[in-house]
Amino acid sequence: PASGGAPASGSGSAKLPIGDGKAPMPSPGTCKVGKRDG
Protein backbone atom coordinates (compact mmCIF):
# COMPACT_ATOMS: atom_id res chain seq x y z
CA PRO A 1 0.00 0.00 0.00
CA ALA A 2 1.22 3.50 -0.88
CA SER A 3 2.58 5.31 2.14
CA GLY A 4 1.85 8.85 1.00
CA GLY A 5 5.35 9.83 2.07
CA ALA A 6 4.96 9.29 5.80
CA PRO A 7 7.40 6.65 7.08
CA ALA A 8 6.65 5.10 10.41
CA SER A 9 9.63 6.35 12.38
CA GLY A 10 13.08 7.92 12.38
CA SER A 11 15.70 7.95 9.69
CA GLY A 12 16.26 4.18 9.82
CA SER A 13 19.43 2.35 8.88
CA ALA A 14 18.65 0.70 5.53
CA LYS A 15 20.90 1.78 2.68
CA LEU A 16 19.46 3.85 -0.11
CA PRO A 17 19.41 2.43 -3.65
CA ILE A 18 22.36 3.10 -5.91
CA GLY A 19 21.39 5.41 -8.74
CA ASP A 20 20.32 3.86 -12.02
CA GLY A 21 19.12 6.10 -14.85
CA LYS A 22 17.33 3.11 -16.37
CA ALA A 23 15.17 2.43 -13.31
CA PRO A 24 11.46 2.36 -14.29
CA MET A 25 9.17 5.30 -13.72
CA PRO A 26 6.19 4.46 -11.45
CA SER A 27 3.00 3.75 -13.39
CA PRO A 28 0.44 6.56 -13.78
CA GLY A 29 -1.74 7.10 -10.74
CA THR A 30 0.23 4.78 -8.45
CA CYS A 31 1.85 7.46 -6.25
CA LYS A 32 0.37 9.69 -3.58
CA VAL A 33 1.70 12.97 -2.21
CA GLY A 34 1.96 12.91 1.58
CA LYS A 35 2.26 15.79 4.02
CA ARG A 36 4.06 16.60 7.25
CA ASP A 37 3.99 19.95 9.05
CA GLY A 38 2.17 21.44 6.07
All heavy atoms as atom14 arrays in JSON, in Angstrom:
{
  "sequence": "PASGGAPASGSGSAKLPIGDGKAPMPSPGTCKVGKRDG",
  "atom14_mask": [
    [1, 1, 1, 1, 1, 1, 1, 0, 0, 0, 0, 0, 0, 0],
    [1, 1, 1, 1, 1, 0, 0, 0, 0, 0, 0, 0, 0, 0],
    [1, 1, 1, 1, 1, 1, 0, 0, 0, 0, 0, 0, 0, 0],
    [1, 1, 1, 1, 0, 0, 0, 0, 0, 0, 0, 0, 0, 0],
    [1, 1, 1, 1, 0, 0, 0, 0, 0, 0, 0, 0, 0, 0],
    [1, 1, 1, 1, 1, 0, 0, 0, 0, 0, 0, 0, 0, 0],
    [1, 1, 1, 1, 1, 1, 1, 0, 0, 0, 0, 0, 0, 0],
    [1, 1, 1, 1, 1, 0, 0, 0, 0, 0, 0, 0, 0, 0],
    [1, 1, 1, 1, 1, 1, 0, 0, 0, 0, 0, 0, 0, 0],
    [1, 1, 1, 1, 0, 0, 0, 0, 0, 0, 0, 0, 0, 0],
    [1, 1, 1, 1, 1, 1, 0, 0, 0, 0, 0, 0, 0, 0],
    [1, 1, 1, 1, 0, 0, 0, 0, 0, 0, 0, 0, 0, 0],
    [1, 1, 1, 1, 1, 1, 0, 0, 0, 0, 0, 0, 0, 0],
    [1, 1, 1, 1, 1, 0, 0, 0, 0, 0, 0, 0, 0, 0],
    [1, 1, 1, 1, 1, 1, 1, 1, 1, 0, 0, 0, 0, 0],
    [1, 1, 1, 1, 1, 1, 1, 1, 0, 0, 0, 0, 0, 0],
    [1, 1, 1, 1, 1, 1, 1, 0, 0, 0, 0, 0, 0, 0],
    [1, 1, 1, 1, 1, 1, 1, 1, 0, 0, 0, 0, 0, 0],
    [1, 1, 1, 1, 0, 0, 0, 0, 0, 0, 0, 0, 0, 0],
    [1, 1, 1, 1, 1, 1, 1, 1, 0, 0, 0, 0, 0, 0],
    [1, 1, 1, 1, 0, 0, 0, 0, 0, 0, 0, 0, 0, 0],
    [1, 1, 1, 1, 1, 1, 1, 1, 1, 0, 0, 0, 0, 0],
    [1, 1, 1, 1, 1, 0, 0, 0, 0, 0, 0, 0, 0, 0],
    [1, 1, 1, 1, 1, 1, 1, 0, 0, 0, 0, 0, 0, 0],
    [1, 1, 1, 1, 1, 1, 1, 1, 0, 0, 0, 0, 0, 0],
    [1, 1, 1, 1, 1, 1, 1, 0, 0, 0, 0, 0, 0, 0],
    [1, 1, 1, 1, 1, 1, 0, 0, 0, 0, 0, 0, 0, 0],
    [1, 1, 1, 1, 1, 1, 1, 0, 0, 0, 0, 0, 0, 0],
    [1, 1, 1, 1, 0, 0, 0, 0, 0, 0, 0, 0, 0, 0],
    [1, 1, 1, 1, 1, 1, 1, 0, 0, 0, 0, 0, 0, 0],
    [1, 1, 1, 1, 1, 1, 0, 0, 0, 0, 0, 0, 0, 0],
    [1, 1, 1, 1, 1, 1, 1, 1, 1, 0, 0, 0, 0, 0],
    [1, 1, 1, 1, 1, 1, 1, 0, 0, 0, 0, 0, 0, 0],
    [1, 1, 1, 1, 0, 0, 0, 0, 0, 0, 0, 0, 0, 0],
    [1, 1, 1, 1, 1, 1, 1, 1, 1, 0, 0, 0, 0, 0],
    [1, 1, 1, 1, 1, 1, 1, 1, 1, 1, 1, 0, 0, 0],
    [1, 1, 1, 1, 1, 1, 1, 1, 0, 0, 0, 0, 0, 0],
    [1, 1, 1, 1, 0, 0, 0, 0, 0, 0, 0, 0, 0, 0]
  ],
  "atom14_positions": [
    [[0.83, -1.2, 0.0], [0.0, 0.0, 0.0], [0.86, 1.24, 0.0], [1.85, 1.32, 0.7], [-0.8, -0.14, 1.32], [-0.82, -1.61, 1.58], [0.49, -2.13, 1.08], [0.0, 0.0, 0.0], [0.0, 0.0, 0.0], [0.0, 0.0, 0.0], [0.0, 0.0, 0.0], [0.0, 0.0, 0.0], [0.0, 0.0, 0.0], [0.0, 0.0, 0.0]],
    [[0.45, 2.26, -0.78], [1.22, 3.5, -0.88], [1.24, 4.2, 0.46], [0.23, 4.3, 1.14], [0.61, 4.41, -1.94], [0.0, 0.0, 0.0], [0.0, 0.0, 0.0], [0.0, 0.0, 0.0], [0.0, 0.0, 0.0], [0.0, 0.0, 0.0], [0.0, 0.0, 0.0], [0.0, 0.0, 0.0], [0.0, 0.0, 0.0], [0.0, 0.0, 0.0]],
    [[2.41, 4.72, 0.82], [2.58, 5.31, 2.14], [2.2, 6.78, 2.18], [2.04, 7.34, 3.24], [4.04, 5.17, 2.58], [4.86, 5.94, 1.73], [0.0, 0.0, 0.0], [0.0, 0.0, 0.0], [0.0, 0.0, 0.0], [0.0, 0.0, 0.0], [0.0, 0.0, 0.0], [0.0, 0.0, 0.0], [0.0, 0.0, 0.0], [0.0, 0.0, 0.0]],
    [[2.14, 7.43, 1.01], [1.85, 8.85, 1.0], [2.98, 9.67, 1.59], [2.8, 10.79, 1.99], [0.0, 0.0, 0.0], [0.0, 0.0, 0.0], [0.0, 0.0, 0.0], [0.0, 0.0, 0.0], [0.0, 0.0, 0.0], [0.0, 0.0, 0.0], [0.0, 0.0, 0.0], [0.0, 0.0, 0.0], [0.0, 0.0, 0.0], [0.0, 0.0, 0.0]],
    [[4.18, 9.09, 1.66], [5.35, 9.83, 2.07], [5.53, 9.96, 3.57], [6.32, 10.76, 4.03], [0.0, 0.0, 0.0], [0.0, 0.0, 0.0], [0.0, 0.0, 0.0], [0.0, 0.0, 0.0], [0.0, 0.0, 0.0], [0.0, 0.0, 0.0], [0.0, 0.0, 0.0], [0.0, 0.0, 0.0], [0.0, 0.0, 0.0], [0.0, 0.0, 0.0]],
    [[4.83, 9.16, 4.36], [4.96, 9.29, 5.8], [5.5, 8.01, 6.4], [4.76, 7.12, 6.79], [3.59, 9.62, 6.42], [0.0, 0.0, 0.0], [0.0, 0.0, 0.0], [0.0, 0.0, 0.0], [0.0, 0.0, 0.0], [0.0, 0.0, 0.0], [0.0, 0.0, 0.0], [0.0, 0.0, 0.0], [0.0, 0.0, 0.0], [0.0, 0.0, 0.0]],
    [[6.82, 7.84, 6.49], [7.4, 6.65, 7.08], [7.05, 6.55, 8.54], [6.77, 7.55, 9.2], [8.91, 6.83, 6.86], [9.1, 8.29, 6.69], [7.83, 8.8, 6.06], [0.0, 0.0, 0.0], [0.0, 0.0, 0.0], [0.0, 0.0, 0.0], [0.0, 0.0, 0.0], [0.0, 0.0, 0.0], [0.0, 0.0, 0.0], [0.0, 0.0, 0.0]],
    [[7.12, 5.34, 9.06], [6.65, 5.1, 10.41], [7.5, 5.79, 11.47], [6.98, 6.34, 12.43], [6.62, 3.58, 10.68], [0.0, 0.0, 0.0], [0.0, 0.0, 0.0], [0.0, 0.0, 0.0], [0.0, 0.0, 0.0], [0.0, 0.0, 0.0], [0.0, 0.0, 0.0], [0.0, 0.0, 0.0], [0.0, 0.0, 0.0], [0.0, 0.0, 0.0]],
    [[8.82, 5.76, 11.33], [9.63, 6.35, 12.38], [11.05, 6.6, 11.92], [11.59, 5.88, 11.1], [9.67, 5.41, 13.6], [10.26, 4.16, 13.26], [0.0, 0.0, 0.0], [0.0, 0.0, 0.0], [0.0, 0.0, 0.0], [0.0, 0.0, 0.0], [0.0, 0.0, 0.0], [0.0, 0.0, 0.0], [0.0, 0.0, 0.0], [0.0, 0.0, 0.0]],
    [[11.65, 7.68, 12.48], [13.08, 7.92, 12.38], [13.67, 7.91, 11.0], [13.0, 7.88, 9.99], [0.0, 0.0, 0.0], [0.0, 0.0, 0.0], [0.0, 0.0, 0.0], [0.0, 0.0, 0.0], [0.0, 0.0, 0.0], [0.0, 0.0, 0.0], [0.0, 0.0, 0.0], [0.0, 0.0, 0.0], [0.0, 0.0, 0.0], [0.0, 0.0, 0.0]],
    [[15.0, 7.96, 10.96], [15.7, 7.95, 9.69], [16.11, 6.55, 9.27], [16.56, 6.32, 8.16], [16.93, 8.85, 9.77], [17.81, 8.41, 10.79], [0.0, 0.0, 0.0], [0.0, 0.0, 0.0], [0.0, 0.0, 0.0], [0.0, 0.0, 0.0], [0.0, 0.0, 0.0], [0.0, 0.0, 0.0], [0.0, 0.0, 0.0], [0.0, 0.0, 0.0]],
    [[15.97, 5.57, 10.18], [16.26, 4.18, 9.82], [17.72, 3.94, 9.53], [18.57, 4.81, 9.66], [0.0, 0.0, 0.0], [0.0, 0.0, 0.0], [0.0, 0.0, 0.0], [0.0, 0.0, 0.0], [0.0, 0.0, 0.0], [0.0, 0.0, 0.0], [0.0, 0.0, 0.0], [0.0, 0.0, 0.0], [0.0, 0.0, 0.0], [0.0, 0.0, 0.0]],
    [[18.05, 2.72, 9.14], [19.43, 2.35, 8.88], [19.63, 1.68, 7.53], [20.75, 1.43, 7.13], [19.94, 1.42, 9.99], [19.14, 0.24, 10.04], [0.0, 0.0, 0.0], [0.0, 0.0, 0.0], [0.0, 0.0, 0.0], [0.0, 0.0, 0.0], [0.0, 0.0, 0.0], [0.0, 0.0, 0.0], [0.0, 0.0, 0.0], [0.0, 0.0, 0.0]],
    [[18.53, 1.37, 6.82], [18.65, 0.7, 5.53], [19.35, 1.61, 4.54], [19.15, 2.82, 4.52], [17.27, 0.31, 5.01], [0.0, 0.0, 0.0], [0.0, 0.0, 0.0], [0.0, 0.0, 0.0], [0.0, 0.0, 0.0], [0.0, 0.0, 0.0], [0.0, 0.0, 0.0], [0.0, 0.0, 0.0], [0.0, 0.0, 0.0], [0.0, 0.0, 0.0]],
    [[20.19, 1.0, 3.68], [20.9, 1.78, 2.68], [19.97, 2.2, 1.56], [19.05, 1.5, 1.19], [22.06, 0.96, 2.12], [23.18, 0.7, 3.12], [24.33, -0.05, 2.47], [25.48, -0.26, 3.45], [26.62, -0.98, 2.82], [0.0, 0.0, 0.0], [0.0, 0.0, 0.0], [0.0, 0.0, 0.0], [0.0, 0.0, 0.0], [0.0, 0.0, 0.0]],
    [[20.24, 3.37, 1.01], [19.46, 3.85, -0.11], [19.92, 3.17, -1.39], [21.07, 2.75, -1.5], [19.63, 5.36, -0.25], [19.1, 6.21, 0.91], [19.5, 7.66, 0.72], [17.59, 6.08, 1.02], [0.0, 0.0, 0.0], [0.0, 0.0, 0.0], [0.0, 0.0, 0.0], [0.0, 0.0, 0.0], [0.0, 0.0, 0.0], [0.0, 0.0, 0.0]],
    [[19.03, 3.05, -2.37], [19.41, 2.43, -3.65], [20.52, 3.2, -4.34], [20.63, 4.42, -4.2], [18.11, 2.5, -4.48], [17.01, 2.68, -3.48], [17.61, 3.45, -2.34], [0.0, 0.0, 0.0], [0.0, 0.0, 0.0], [0.0, 0.0, 0.0], [0.0, 0.0, 0.0], [0.0, 0.0, 0.0], [0.0, 0.0, 0.0], [0.0, 0.0, 0.0]],
    [[21.35, 2.47, -5.08], [22.36, 3.1, -5.91], [21.69, 3.6, -7.18], [20.87, 2.92, -7.78], [23.48, 2.1, -6.27], [24.17, 1.6, -4.99], [24.5, 2.74, -7.2], [24.83, 2.68, -4.18], [0.0, 0.0, 0.0], [0.0, 0.0, 0.0], [0.0, 0.0, 0.0], [0.0, 0.0, 0.0], [0.0, 0.0, 0.0], [0.0, 0.0, 0.0]],
    [[22.04, 4.79, -7.59], [21.39, 5.41, -8.74], [21.5, 4.6, -10.02], [22.54, 4.03, -10.32], [0.0, 0.0, 0.0], [0.0, 0.0, 0.0], [0.0, 0.0, 0.0], [0.0, 0.0, 0.0], [0.0, 0.0, 0.0], [0.0, 0.0, 0.0], [0.0, 0.0, 0.0], [0.0, 0.0, 0.0], [0.0, 0.0, 0.0], [0.0, 0.0, 0.0]],
    [[20.39, 4.57, -10.75], [20.32, 3.86, -12.02], [19.38, 4.65, -12.94], [18.17, 4.67, -12.73], [19.82, 2.44, -11.82], [19.7, 1.66, -13.13], [20.06, 2.21, -14.19], [19.25, 0.5, -13.08], [0.0, 0.0, 0.0], [0.0, 0.0, 0.0], [0.0, 0.0, 0.0], [0.0, 0.0, 0.0], [0.0, 0.0, 0.0], [0.0, 0.0, 0.0]],
    [[19.93, 5.3, -13.94], [19.12, 6.1, -14.85], [18.1, 5.29, -15.63], [17.17, 5.86, -16.21], [0.0, 0.0, 0.0], [0.0, 0.0, 0.0], [0.0, 0.0, 0.0], [0.0, 0.0, 0.0], [0.0, 0.0, 0.0], [0.0, 0.0, 0.0], [0.0, 0.0, 0.0], [0.0, 0.0, 0.0], [0.0, 0.0, 0.0], [0.0, 0.0, 0.0]],
    [[18.25, 3.96, -15.64], [17.33, 3.11, -16.37], [16.24, 2.51, -15.47], [15.44, 1.69, -15.92], [18.09, 1.99, -17.06], [19.07, 2.49, -18.12], [19.79, 1.33, -18.8], [20.75, 1.85, -19.87], [21.49, 0.74, -20.53], [0.0, 0.0, 0.0], [0.0, 0.0, 0.0], [0.0, 0.0, 0.0], [0.0, 0.0, 0.0], [0.0, 0.0, 0.0]],
    [[16.22, 2.91, -14.21], [15.17, 2.43, -13.31], [13.8, 2.86, -13.85], [13.67, 3.95, -14.41], [15.37, 2.99, -11.91], [0.0, 0.0, 0.0], [0.0, 0.0, 0.0], [0.0, 0.0, 0.0], [0.0, 0.0, 0.0], [0.0, 0.0, 0.0], [0.0, 0.0, 0.0], [0.0, 0.0, 0.0], [0.0, 0.0, 0.0], [0.0, 0.0, 0.0]],
    [[12.78, 2.03, -13.71], [11.46, 2.36, -14.29], [10.76, 3.48, -13.54], [10.89, 3.63, -12.33], [10.69, 1.04, -14.15], [11.33, 0.35, -12.99], [12.79, 0.7, -13.07], [0.0, 0.0, 0.0], [0.0, 0.0, 0.0], [0.0, 0.0, 0.0], [0.0, 0.0, 0.0], [0.0, 0.0, 0.0], [0.0, 0.0, 0.0], [0.0, 0.0, 0.0]],
    [[10.02, 4.27, -14.29], [9.17, 5.3, -13.72], [7.91, 4.64, -13.16], [7.38, 3.71, -13.77], [8.78, 6.31, -14.8], [7.97, 7.51, -14.31], [8.92, 8.69, -13.34], [10.04, 9.36, -14.6], [0.0, 0.0, 0.0], [0.0, 0.0, 0.0], [0.0, 0.0, 0.0], [0.0, 0.0, 0.0], [0.0, 0.0, 0.0], [0.0, 0.0, 0.0]],
    [[7.43, 5.04, -11.97], [6.19, 4.46, -11.45], [5.03, 4.64, -12.44], [4.97, 5.64, -13.16], [5.95, 5.26, -10.16], [7.3, 5.75, -9.77], [8.02, 6.01, -11.05], [0.0, 0.0, 0.0], [0.0, 0.0, 0.0], [0.0, 0.0, 0.0], [0.0, 0.0, 0.0], [0.0, 0.0, 0.0], [0.0, 0.0, 0.0], [0.0, 0.0, 0.0]],
    [[4.14, 3.69, -12.48], [3.0, 3.75, -13.39], [2.08, 4.91, -13.05], [2.02, 5.37, -11.89], [2.21, 2.44, -13.32], [3.03, 1.35, -13.67], [0.0, 0.0, 0.0], [0.0, 0.0, 0.0], [0.0, 0.0, 0.0], [0.0, 0.0, 0.0], [0.0, 0.0, 0.0], [0.0, 0.0, 0.0], [0.0, 0.0, 0.0], [0.0, 0.0, 0.0]],
    [[1.36, 5.43, -14.03], [0.44, 6.56, -13.78], [-0.55, 6.26, -12.66], [-1.12, 5.17, -12.59], [-0.27, 6.72, -15.13], [0.71, 6.22, -16.13], [1.4, 5.06, -15.46], [0.0, 0.0, 0.0], [0.0, 0.0, 0.0], [0.0, 0.0, 0.0], [0.0, 0.0, 0.0], [0.0, 0.0, 0.0], [0.0, 0.0, 0.0], [0.0, 0.0, 0.0]],
    [[-0.74, 7.22, -11.79], [-1.74, 7.1, -10.74], [-1.37, 6.21, -9.58], [-2.21, 5.96, -8.71], [0.0, 0.0, 0.0], [0.0, 0.0, 0.0], [0.0, 0.0, 0.0], [0.0, 0.0, 0.0], [0.0, 0.0, 0.0], [0.0, 0.0, 0.0], [0.0, 0.0, 0.0], [0.0, 0.0, 0.0], [0.0, 0.0, 0.0], [0.0, 0.0, 0.0]],
    [[-0.13, 5.72, -9.52], [0.23, 4.78, -8.45], [0.87, 5.47, -7.24], [1.12, 4.82, -6.23], [1.2, 3.71, -8.97], [2.37, 4.34, -9.52], [0.54, 2.84, -10.02], [0.0, 0.0, 0.0], [0.0, 0.0, 0.0], [0.0, 0.0, 0.0], [0.0, 0.0, 0.0], [0.0, 0.0, 0.0], [0.0, 0.0, 0.0], [0.0, 0.0, 0.0]],
    [[1.15, 6.76, -7.33], [1.85, 7.46, -6.25], [0.95, 8.51, -5.6], [0.07, 9.08, -6.25], [3.11, 8.13, -6.79], [4.18, 7.05, -7.77], [0.0, 0.0, 0.0], [0.0, 0.0, 0.0], [0.0, 0.0, 0.0], [0.0, 0.0, 0.0], [0.0, 0.0, 0.0], [0.0, 0.0, 0.0], [0.0, 0.0, 0.0], [0.0, 0.0, 0.0]],
    [[1.2, 8.77, -4.34], [0.37, 9.69, -3.58], [1.25, 10.67, -2.81], [2.17, 10.26, -2.11], [-0.52, 8.92, -2.6], [-1.45, 9.78, -1.78], [-2.27, 8.92, -0.84], [-3.19, 9.77, 0.04], [-3.96, 8.92, 1.0], [0.0, 0.0, 0.0], [0.0, 0.0, 0.0], [0.0, 0.0, 0.0], [0.0, 0.0, 0.0], [0.0, 0.0, 0.0]],
    [[0.96, 11.95, -2.95], [1.7, 12.97, -2.21], [1.27, 12.94, -0.75], [0.09, 12.96, -0.43], [1.45, 14.38, -2.79], [2.18, 15.44, -1.95], [1.92, 14.44, -4.23], [0.0, 0.0, 0.0], [0.0, 0.0, 0.0], [0.0, 0.0, 0.0], [0.0, 0.0, 0.0], [0.0, 0.0, 0.0], [0.0, 0.0, 0.0], [0.0, 0.0, 0.0]],
    [[2.25, 12.86, 0.16], [1.96, 12.91, 1.58], [2.19, 14.31, 2.12], [2.49, 15.24, 1.38], [0.0, 0.0, 0.0], [0.0, 0.0, 0.0], [0.0, 0.0, 0.0], [0.0, 0.0, 0.0], [0.0, 0.0, 0.0], [0.0, 0.0, 0.0], [0.0, 0.0, 0.0], [0.0, 0.0, 0.0], [0.0, 0.0, 0.0], [0.0, 0.0, 0.0]],
    [[2.08, 14.46, 3.43], [2.26, 15.79, 4.02], [2.71, 15.64, 5.47], [2.3, 14.72, 6.19], [0.96, 16.58, 3.97], [1.09, 18.03, 4.45], [-0.19, 18.82, 4.18], [-0.33, 19.12, 2.7], [-1.45, 20.06, 2.43], [0.0, 0.0, 0.0], [0.0, 0.0, 0.0], [0.0, 0.0, 0.0], [0.0, 0.0, 0.0], [0.0, 0.0, 0.0]],
    [[3.61, 16.53, 5.86], [4.06, 16.6, 7.25], [4.35, 18.07, 7.56], [5.07, 18.72, 6.83], [5.32, 15.75, 7.45], [6.02, 15.87, 8.81], [5.19, 15.23, 9.94], [5.86, 15.38, 11.22], [6.5, 14.4, 11.86], [6.59, 13.19, 11.31], [7.07, 14.6, 13.03], [0.0, 0.0, 0.0], [0.0, 0.0, 0.0], [0.0, 0.0, 0.0]],
    [[3.79, 18.56, 8.65], [3.99, 19.95, 9.05], [3.64, 20.92, 7.92], [4.29, 21.95, 7.73], [5.42, 20.19, 9.51], [5.79, 19.36, 10.73], [4.88, 18.98, 11.48], [7.0, 19.08, 10.92], [0.0, 0.0, 0.0], [0.0, 0.0, 0.0], [0.0, 0.0, 0.0], [0.0, 0.0, 0.0], [0.0, 0.0, 0.0], [0.0, 0.0, 0.0]],
    [[2.62, 20.58, 7.15], [2.17, 21.44, 6.07], [3.02, 21.39, 4.82], [2.77, 22.14, 3.87], [0.0, 0.0, 0.0], [0.0, 0.0, 0.0], [0.0, 0.0, 0.0], [0.0, 0.0, 0.0], [0.0, 0.0, 0.0], [0.0, 0.0, 0.0], [0.0, 0.0, 0.0], [0.0, 0.0, 0.0], [0.0, 0.0, 0.0], [0.0, 0.0, 0.0]]
  ]
}
